[in-house]
N, C-alpha and C. Protein backbone atom coordinates (compact mmCIF):
# COMPACT_ATOMS: atom_id res chain seq x y z
N MET A 1 -33.27 4.23 -0.44
CA MET A 1 -32.71 5.08 -0.64
C MET A 1 -31.96 4.93 1.02
N ALA A 2 -30.43 4.12 0.97
CA ALA A 2 -29.56 3.79 2.48
C ALA A 2 -29.51 5.45 2.98
N ASN A 3 -29.39 4.97 4.57
CA ASN A 3 -28.87 6.10 5.15
C ASN A 3 -27.50 6.15 5.71
N PHE A 4 -26.96 7.28 5.07
CA PHE A 4 -25.68 7.36 5.15
C PHE A 4 -25.44 8.22 6.61
N THR A 5 -24.29 7.91 7.19
CA THR A 5 -24.04 8.82 8.38
C THR A 5 -22.38 8.91 7.75
N ARG A 6 -21.93 10.20 8.91
CA ARG A 6 -20.38 10.66 8.35
C ARG A 6 -19.45 8.98 8.47
N ARG A 7 -19.41 8.43 9.62
CA ARG A 7 -19.32 7.40 10.18
C ARG A 7 -19.47 6.22 8.90
N SER A 8 -20.35 6.00 8.26
CA SER A 8 -20.08 4.76 7.74
C SER A 8 -19.63 5.11 5.82
N VAL A 9 -20.04 6.75 5.73
CA VAL A 9 -18.93 7.00 4.32
C VAL A 9 -17.64 7.03 4.90
N LEU A 10 -16.92 7.31 5.61
CA LEU A 10 -15.94 7.48 6.44
C LEU A 10 -15.41 5.89 6.05
N ARG A 11 -15.80 5.13 6.46
CA ARG A 11 -15.53 2.98 7.02
C ARG A 11 -15.66 3.05 5.53
N GLY A 12 -16.63 3.05 4.82
CA GLY A 12 -16.60 3.13 3.34
C GLY A 12 -15.25 3.66 2.16
N SER A 13 -14.78 4.59 2.91
CA SER A 13 -14.12 5.32 1.92
C SER A 13 -12.69 4.80 2.01
N LEU A 14 -12.63 4.74 3.42
CA LEU A 14 -11.15 3.93 3.94
C LEU A 14 -11.45 2.14 3.18
N GLY A 15 -12.31 1.52 3.33
CA GLY A 15 -12.44 0.29 2.95
C GLY A 15 -12.14 -0.08 1.16
N LEU A 16 -13.12 1.34 0.54
CA LEU A 16 -12.49 1.18 -1.13
C LEU A 16 -11.36 1.54 -1.39
N ALA A 17 -10.24 2.50 -0.82
CA ALA A 17 -8.95 2.41 -0.67
C ALA A 17 -8.15 1.08 -0.37
N ALA A 18 -8.68 0.36 0.67
CA ALA A 18 -7.88 -0.94 1.34
C ALA A 18 -8.28 -2.04 0.61
N ALA A 19 -9.96 -1.80 -0.19
CA ALA A 19 -9.85 -2.86 -1.44
C ALA A 19 -9.22 -2.86 -2.74
N GLY A 20 -9.20 -1.57 -2.85
CA GLY A 20 -8.17 -1.17 -4.48
C GLY A 20 -6.85 -1.87 -4.59
N THR A 21 -5.70 -1.24 -2.88
CA THR A 21 -4.67 -1.79 -2.71
C THR A 21 -4.80 -3.20 -2.71
N LEU A 22 -5.56 -4.06 -1.98
CA LEU A 22 -5.36 -5.78 -1.48
C LEU A 22 -6.28 -6.70 -2.69
N ALA A 23 -7.00 -6.06 -3.95
CA ALA A 23 -7.73 -6.92 -4.57
C ALA A 23 -7.06 -6.56 -5.96
N ARG A 24 -6.18 -5.73 -6.19
CA ARG A 24 -5.28 -5.68 -7.30
C ARG A 24 -4.93 -7.19 -8.21
N PRO A 25 -4.48 -7.70 -7.01
CA PRO A 25 -4.03 -9.45 -8.22
C PRO A 25 -5.49 -10.13 -8.48
N TYR A 26 -6.50 -10.10 -7.85
CA TYR A 26 -7.73 -10.52 -8.08
C TYR A 26 -8.27 -9.91 -9.37
N ILE A 27 -8.58 -8.60 -9.30
CA ILE A 27 -9.46 -7.89 -10.39
C ILE A 27 -7.95 -8.32 -11.80
N ALA A 28 -7.07 -7.73 -11.34
CA ALA A 28 -5.79 -8.32 -12.69
C ALA A 28 -6.22 -9.59 -13.51
N ASN A 29 -6.19 -10.50 -12.70
CA ASN A 29 -6.29 -11.42 -12.80
C ASN A 29 -7.93 -12.37 -13.47
N ALA A 30 -8.82 -11.11 -13.15
CA ALA A 30 -10.42 -11.66 -13.63
C ALA A 30 -10.46 -10.94 -15.34
N ALA A 31 -9.50 -9.99 -15.23
CA ALA A 31 -9.69 -9.25 -16.45
C ALA A 31 -8.69 -8.98 -17.28
N ALA A 32 -8.43 -7.42 -17.84
CA ALA A 32 -7.43 -7.66 -18.64
C ALA A 32 -6.13 -7.27 -17.86
N THR A 33 -4.87 -7.78 -18.90
CA THR A 33 -3.09 -7.29 -17.85
C THR A 33 -2.79 -6.36 -17.43
N THR A 34 -4.16 -5.24 -18.40
CA THR A 34 -3.20 -4.12 -17.92
C THR A 34 -4.23 -2.93 -17.10
N ALA A 35 -4.01 -2.26 -16.03
CA ALA A 35 -4.71 -1.74 -15.41
C ALA A 35 -4.55 -0.24 -15.55
N GLU A 36 -4.90 0.75 -15.18
CA GLU A 36 -4.87 2.15 -15.06
C GLU A 36 -4.80 2.43 -13.79
N VAL A 37 -4.17 2.93 -13.11
CA VAL A 37 -3.82 3.72 -11.76
C VAL A 37 -3.77 5.11 -11.83
N TRP A 38 -4.51 5.82 -11.14
CA TRP A 38 -4.15 7.27 -10.87
C TRP A 38 -3.76 7.32 -9.12
N TRP A 39 -2.85 8.14 -9.13
CA TRP A 39 -2.03 8.21 -7.55
C TRP A 39 -1.77 9.54 -6.96
N PRO A 40 -1.90 9.94 -5.79
CA PRO A 40 -1.08 11.16 -5.31
C PRO A 40 0.04 11.30 -5.12
N GLN A 41 0.37 12.50 -5.41
CA GLN A 41 2.36 12.40 -5.45
C GLN A 41 2.06 12.97 -3.98
N GLY A 42 3.24 12.19 -2.90
CA GLY A 42 3.51 12.21 -1.93
C GLY A 42 4.21 13.48 -1.61
N PHE A 43 4.42 13.75 -0.12
CA PHE A 43 4.77 14.73 0.07
C PHE A 43 6.51 14.62 0.03
N VAL A 44 7.13 13.78 0.50
CA VAL A 44 8.67 13.68 -0.20
C VAL A 44 8.69 12.20 -0.72
N PRO A 45 10.09 12.38 -1.82
CA PRO A 45 10.19 11.64 -2.76
C PRO A 45 10.47 10.07 -2.39
N GLU A 46 10.04 9.74 -0.95
CA GLU A 46 10.26 8.16 -0.62
C GLU A 46 9.15 7.72 -0.76
N GLU A 47 7.85 8.25 -0.60
CA GLU A 47 6.41 8.02 -1.09
C GLU A 47 6.41 7.42 -2.32
N ASP A 48 6.52 8.60 -2.85
CA ASP A 48 6.47 8.32 -4.89
C ASP A 48 7.20 6.80 -4.95
N ALA A 49 8.54 6.90 -4.43
CA ALA A 49 9.72 5.67 -4.75
C ALA A 49 8.59 4.30 -4.21
N ALA A 50 7.76 4.61 -2.75
CA ALA A 50 7.86 3.23 -2.60
C ALA A 50 5.95 2.31 -2.95
N ILE A 51 5.74 3.87 -3.56
CA ILE A 51 4.35 3.12 -4.57
C ILE A 51 4.80 2.75 -6.38
N LYS A 52 5.87 3.35 -6.39
CA LYS A 52 6.51 2.48 -7.31
C LYS A 52 6.84 1.06 -7.32
N LYS A 53 7.66 1.00 -6.23
CA LYS A 53 8.82 -0.14 -6.05
C LYS A 53 7.25 -1.11 -5.95
N ALA A 54 6.30 -0.85 -5.23
CA ALA A 54 4.74 -1.52 -4.82
C ALA A 54 4.08 -1.97 -6.47
N VAL A 55 4.26 -1.08 -7.04
CA VAL A 55 3.53 -1.50 -8.51
C VAL A 55 4.85 -2.65 -9.24
N ALA A 56 6.03 -1.98 -9.08
CA ALA A 56 6.76 -2.70 -10.01
C ALA A 56 6.98 -4.23 -9.49
N ASP A 57 6.85 -4.64 -8.09
CA ASP A 57 6.52 -5.67 -7.42
C ASP A 57 5.72 -6.74 -7.82
N TYR A 58 4.50 -5.60 -7.86
CA TYR A 58 3.03 -6.27 -8.05
C TYR A 58 2.95 -6.72 -10.04
N GLU A 59 3.74 -6.13 -10.57
CA GLU A 59 4.18 -6.55 -11.99
C GLU A 59 5.10 -7.47 -12.12
N LYS A 60 6.04 -7.90 -11.61
CA LYS A 60 6.94 -8.82 -11.37
C LYS A 60 6.02 -10.19 -11.17
N ALA A 61 5.35 -9.74 -10.08
CA ALA A 61 4.46 -10.89 -9.80
C ALA A 61 3.54 -11.70 -10.27
N SER A 62 2.93 -10.77 -11.02
CA SER A 62 1.87 -11.62 -11.56
C SER A 62 1.70 -11.35 -12.80
N GLY A 63 2.75 -11.01 -13.72
CA GLY A 63 2.90 -10.52 -15.18
C GLY A 63 1.76 -9.35 -15.65
N ASN A 64 1.31 -8.89 -14.63
CA ASN A 64 0.15 -8.06 -15.01
C ASN A 64 0.75 -6.41 -15.33
N THR A 65 0.21 -5.57 -16.30
CA THR A 65 1.12 -3.95 -16.53
C THR A 65 0.12 -3.48 -15.48
N ILE A 66 0.95 -2.33 -15.13
CA ILE A 66 -0.15 -1.20 -14.37
C ILE A 66 0.38 0.24 -14.67
N GLU A 67 -0.64 0.97 -15.48
CA GLU A 67 -0.05 2.06 -15.73
C GLU A 67 -0.18 3.06 -15.04
N LEU A 68 0.88 3.56 -14.47
CA LEU A 68 0.50 4.71 -12.73
C LEU A 68 1.01 5.84 -13.32
N SER A 69 -0.12 6.39 -12.97
CA SER A 69 -0.10 8.07 -13.10
C SER A 69 0.44 8.69 -11.82
N ILE A 70 1.06 9.34 -11.55
CA ILE A 70 1.56 9.61 -10.19
C ILE A 70 1.15 11.40 -10.39
N MET A 71 0.59 12.47 -9.28
CA MET A 71 0.21 13.29 -10.00
C MET A 71 0.10 14.26 -8.67
N PRO A 72 0.46 15.94 -8.27
CA PRO A 72 -0.35 16.11 -6.89
C PRO A 72 -2.05 16.56 -6.80
N PHE A 73 -1.88 17.04 -5.66
CA PHE A 73 -3.50 16.64 -5.33
C PHE A 73 -4.59 17.20 -5.98
N ALA A 74 -4.46 18.48 -5.98
CA ALA A 74 -5.39 19.68 -6.90
C ALA A 74 -5.64 18.82 -8.66
N PRO A 75 -4.36 18.69 -9.16
CA PRO A 75 -4.51 18.00 -10.47
C PRO A 75 -5.47 16.73 -10.08
N LEU A 76 -4.98 15.90 -9.74
CA LEU A 76 -5.48 14.47 -9.17
C LEU A 76 -7.07 14.79 -8.92
N ARG A 77 -7.56 15.57 -8.06
CA ARG A 77 -9.05 16.29 -8.25
C ARG A 77 -9.65 16.39 -8.91
N GLN A 78 -9.71 17.20 -9.93
CA GLN A 78 -9.70 17.81 -11.00
C GLN A 78 -9.80 16.80 -12.15
N LYS A 79 -9.19 15.60 -12.19
CA LYS A 79 -9.04 14.66 -13.08
C LYS A 79 -10.07 13.59 -12.66
N ILE A 80 -10.32 13.15 -11.25
CA ILE A 80 -11.43 12.32 -11.00
C ILE A 80 -12.51 12.45 -10.98
N VAL A 81 -12.73 14.17 -11.05
CA VAL A 81 -14.19 14.53 -11.16
C VAL A 81 -14.22 14.93 -12.52
N ALA A 82 -14.30 15.25 -13.41
CA ALA A 82 -13.87 14.97 -14.82
C ALA A 82 -13.79 13.60 -15.35
N ALA A 83 -13.08 13.15 -15.08
CA ALA A 83 -13.57 11.29 -14.95
C ALA A 83 -14.53 10.40 -14.94
N VAL A 84 -14.89 11.20 -13.61
CA VAL A 84 -16.59 9.99 -13.37
C VAL A 84 -17.65 11.18 -13.93
N GLN A 85 -17.35 12.17 -13.97
CA GLN A 85 -18.36 13.00 -15.03
C GLN A 85 -19.00 12.54 -16.51
N SER A 86 -17.66 12.27 -16.82
CA SER A 86 -17.52 11.44 -18.61
C SER A 86 -17.88 10.09 -18.52
N GLY A 87 -17.90 8.99 -17.36
CA GLY A 87 -17.60 8.05 -17.59
C GLY A 87 -16.49 7.55 -17.96
N VAL A 88 -15.39 7.72 -18.41
CA VAL A 88 -14.20 7.19 -18.79
C VAL A 88 -13.15 7.27 -17.01
N VAL A 89 -12.99 6.41 -16.47
CA VAL A 89 -12.05 5.98 -15.28
C VAL A 89 -11.62 5.10 -15.40
N PRO A 90 -10.52 5.76 -14.48
CA PRO A 90 -9.48 4.45 -14.19
C PRO A 90 -9.74 3.32 -13.54
N ASP A 91 -8.91 2.32 -13.90
CA ASP A 91 -9.44 1.24 -13.27
C ASP A 91 -9.00 1.54 -11.50
N MET A 92 -8.56 2.27 -10.90
CA MET A 92 -8.40 2.68 -9.72
C MET A 92 -7.79 3.87 -9.09
N PHE A 93 -8.54 4.67 -8.56
CA PHE A 93 -8.15 5.91 -7.87
C PHE A 93 -8.33 5.88 -6.47
N PRO A 94 -7.28 6.67 -5.60
CA PRO A 94 -7.48 6.31 -4.28
C PRO A 94 -9.04 7.09 -3.77
N SER A 95 -9.48 6.85 -2.17
CA SER A 95 -10.90 7.83 -1.90
C SER A 95 -10.08 8.83 -1.34
N ASN A 96 -9.81 9.58 -2.27
CA ASN A 96 -9.55 11.17 -1.42
C ASN A 96 -9.76 12.45 -2.83
N PRO A 97 -9.99 13.07 -2.39
CA PRO A 97 -10.95 13.46 -1.01
C PRO A 97 -12.28 12.91 -0.73
N GLY A 98 -12.47 12.98 0.28
CA GLY A 98 -13.54 12.14 1.10
C GLY A 98 -14.79 12.72 0.66
N GLU A 99 -15.00 14.18 0.21
CA GLU A 99 -16.25 15.11 0.26
C GLU A 99 -16.43 14.34 -1.18
N ILE A 100 -15.46 13.85 -2.09
CA ILE A 100 -15.95 14.01 -3.66
C ILE A 100 -16.16 12.11 -3.74
N ILE A 101 -15.64 11.09 -2.75
CA ILE A 101 -16.26 9.90 -2.74
C ILE A 101 -17.49 9.44 -1.73
N ALA A 102 -17.83 10.62 -0.93
CA ALA A 102 -18.86 10.44 -0.46
C ALA A 102 -20.19 10.54 -1.49
N LEU A 103 -20.10 11.86 -2.42
CA LEU A 103 -21.28 12.38 -3.36
C LEU A 103 -20.95 11.01 -4.22
N TYR A 104 -20.00 10.61 -4.44
CA TYR A 104 -20.25 9.24 -5.67
C TYR A 104 -20.98 8.26 -5.18
N ALA A 105 -20.39 7.86 -3.56
CA ALA A 105 -21.41 6.62 -3.17
C ALA A 105 -22.85 7.53 -3.22
N TRP A 106 -23.11 8.39 -2.89
CA TRP A 106 -24.73 8.45 -2.64
C TRP A 106 -25.02 8.56 -3.98
N ASP A 107 -24.52 8.80 -4.98
CA ASP A 107 -24.81 8.82 -6.49
C ASP A 107 -24.98 6.85 -7.19
N ASP A 108 -24.46 6.43 -6.12
CA ASP A 108 -24.03 4.58 -6.40
C ASP A 108 -23.33 4.79 -7.62
N LYS A 109 -22.26 5.75 -7.46
CA LYS A 109 -21.15 5.43 -9.15
C LYS A 109 -19.90 4.51 -8.14
N LEU A 110 -19.81 4.25 -7.33
CA LEU A 110 -18.76 3.36 -7.04
C LEU A 110 -19.29 1.56 -7.00
N VAL A 111 -18.38 0.81 -7.06
CA VAL A 111 -18.10 -0.30 -6.88
C VAL A 111 -18.03 -1.22 -5.83
N ASP A 112 -18.63 -2.07 -5.87
CA ASP A 112 -18.49 -3.01 -4.14
C ASP A 112 -17.72 -4.03 -4.67
N LEU A 113 -16.73 -3.90 -3.94
CA LEU A 113 -15.68 -5.15 -4.44
C LEU A 113 -15.30 -6.24 -3.15
N THR A 114 -16.38 -6.13 -2.52
CA THR A 114 -16.46 -7.47 -0.93
C THR A 114 -16.39 -8.55 -1.71
N ASP A 115 -16.58 -9.04 -3.03
CA ASP A 115 -16.76 -10.13 -3.72
C ASP A 115 -15.26 -11.17 -3.99
N VAL A 116 -14.36 -9.66 -4.07
CA VAL A 116 -13.18 -9.68 -4.34
C VAL A 116 -11.80 -9.76 -3.74
N VAL A 117 -12.49 -9.56 -2.09
CA VAL A 117 -11.33 -9.12 -1.40
C VAL A 117 -11.85 -10.01 0.08
């Protein structure tokens, strides 16, 4: 069993979020041409517009499709918990909230993306 510290879990959570953002082209090119992404709703409309633009730019550059679902924090949290419990998860979701990600890391339910990042 690995020895987890608060700092290592936080670093891993940030790394997972960055890996998901940066690895999209590599993962999409290696697997299917459609990816399902769940994203938290922004506090201002510009945040949602920015993620939608990033997804549109990626789709245009790669030819792949992103099924983006933007939802408020509480429903997203419930949906993530239910998805991991059932085993039917999206291709990417943010490492938020940190306490849930720490539990998934502890249970070895996360995938290491260092080979594609």
